Amino acid sequence: MGYKPFQSTYYDDKMRASPALLRARAPYLLKNTITGSAICALVIGIYAYTINVISQDEFEDVIVPAQPMTRSQNAAQNAQNTSTTDAVRQAVAAKKQ
């Protein structure tokens, strides 16, 4: 005889819904269908609204350089960032004293 971990009067041996389960669910079928449809409509509406709003952005405020940065410009920018980092470290060290 096989092992049966779950014994229920609502399901038969092949885990099909019994007539008792179908009768127990019948009063809630229409309400659950309406609620599920409303939730799906809300999700689809939010998704459509989000896609519509994002597609309107033209990125006019983003500055695009005429030519890519060269290595010397990158080195100068890194040096500037390093000096900023050093300044922050000095400020933190002064605050600790």
Protein backbone atom coordinates (compact mmCIF):
# COMPACT_ATOMS: atom_id res chain seq x y z
CA MET A 1 0.00 0.00 0.00
CA GLY A 2 1.33 3.48 -0.95
CA TYR A 3 2.08 6.29 1.43
CA LYS A 4 -0.64 8.97 1.58
CA PRO A 5 0.56 12.05 3.45
CA PHE A 6 -2.64 14.02 2.87
CA GLN A 7 -6.11 12.70 3.62
CA SER A 8 -9.01 14.94 2.70
CA THR A 9 -12.69 14.48 2.07
CA TYR A 10 -12.56 17.21 -0.59
CA TYR A 11 -10.16 15.34 -2.91
CA ASP A 12 -10.25 11.80 -4.23
CA ASP A 13 -7.28 9.42 -4.66
CA LYS A 14 -6.20 11.16 -7.88
CA MET A 15 -6.40 14.61 -6.23
CA ARG A 16 -9.45 15.64 -8.23
CA ALA A 17 -12.02 17.94 -6.64
CA SER A 18 -14.95 16.10 -5.15
CA PRO A 19 -18.57 17.22 -5.55
CA ALA A 20 -18.48 18.43 -1.92
CA LEU A 21 -15.57 20.77 -2.71
CA LEU A 22 -17.33 22.09 -5.80
CA ARG A 23 -20.47 22.75 -3.74
CA ALA A 24 -18.44 24.50 -1.02
CA ARG A 25 -16.76 26.79 -3.56
CA ALA A 26 -19.88 27.56 -5.62
CA PRO A 27 -21.16 30.56 -3.58
CA TYR A 28 -17.78 32.32 -3.90
CA LEU A 29 -17.15 31.65 -7.58
CA LEU A 30 -18.69 34.87 -8.94
CA LYS A 31 -17.23 37.12 -6.22
CA ASN A 32 -13.76 35.59 -6.60
CA THR A 33 -13.93 35.97 -10.39
CA ILE A 34 -14.91 39.64 -10.10
CA THR A 35 -12.19 40.30 -7.52
CA GLY A 36 -9.54 38.55 -9.62
CA SER A 37 -10.59 40.47 -12.72
CA ALA A 38 -10.44 43.77 -10.81
CA ILE A 39 -6.95 43.02 -9.51
CA CYS A 40 -5.74 42.03 -13.00
CA ALA A 41 -7.26 45.20 -14.49
CA LEU A 42 -5.55 47.32 -11.82
CA VAL A 43 -2.16 45.72 -12.51
CA ILE A 44 -2.53 46.11 -16.28
CA GLY A 45 -3.65 49.74 -15.82
CA ILE A 46 -0.65 50.59 -13.63
CA TYR A 47 1.70 48.90 -16.10
CA ALA A 48 0.18 50.72 -19.09
CA TYR A 49 0.30 54.08 -17.27
CA THR A 50 3.94 53.56 -16.32
CA ILE A 51 4.98 52.63 -19.85
CA ASN A 52 3.05 55.64 -21.22
CA VAL A 53 4.70 58.09 -18.80
CA ILE A 54 8.21 56.71 -19.37
CA SER A 55 7.85 56.77 -23.16
CA GLN A 56 7.15 60.53 -23.05
CA ASP A 57 10.58 61.37 -21.59
CA GLU A 58 12.81 62.84 -24.29
CA PHE A 59 15.98 63.27 -22.20
CA GLU A 60 16.47 66.85 -23.43
CA ASP A 61 18.06 67.81 -20.12
CA VAL A 62 20.90 65.30 -20.50
CA ILE A 63 24.11 66.91 -21.75
CA VAL A 64 25.87 64.80 -24.34
CA PRO A 65 29.49 65.81 -25.10
CA ALA A 66 30.39 66.49 -28.73
CA GLN A 67 33.37 64.14 -28.60
CA PRO A 68 34.33 61.39 -26.17
CA MET A 69 36.76 62.11 -23.36
CA THR A 70 40.40 61.36 -24.02
CA ARG A 71 42.85 59.78 -21.60
CA SER A 72 44.29 63.13 -20.53
CA GLN A 73 40.80 64.39 -19.66
CA ASN A 74 40.10 61.19 -17.73
CA ALA A 75 43.38 61.59 -15.81
CA ALA A 76 42.56 65.22 -14.97
CA GLN A 77 39.08 64.23 -13.80
CA ASN A 78 40.50 61.40 -11.68
CA ALA A 79 43.02 63.81 -10.13
CA GLN A 80 40.18 66.19 -9.30
CA ASN A 81 38.18 63.32 -7.74
CA THR A 82 41.25 62.28 -5.77
CA SER A 83 41.68 65.77 -4.39
CA THR A 84 38.00 65.78 -3.41
CA THR A 85 38.46 62.42 -1.72
CA ASP A 86 41.50 63.72 0.14
CA ALA A 87 39.55 66.77 1.25
CA VAL A 88 36.78 64.56 2.62
CA ARG A 89 39.31 62.40 4.45
CA GLN A 90 40.92 65.48 6.00
CA ALA A 91 37.51 66.77 7.09
CA VAL A 92 36.64 63.44 8.70
CA ALA A 93 40.02 63.30 10.42
CA ALA A 94 39.60 66.85 11.74
CA LYS A 95 36.14 66.05 13.04
CA LYS A 96 37.44 63.02 14.94
CA GLN A 97 40.02 65.16 16.81
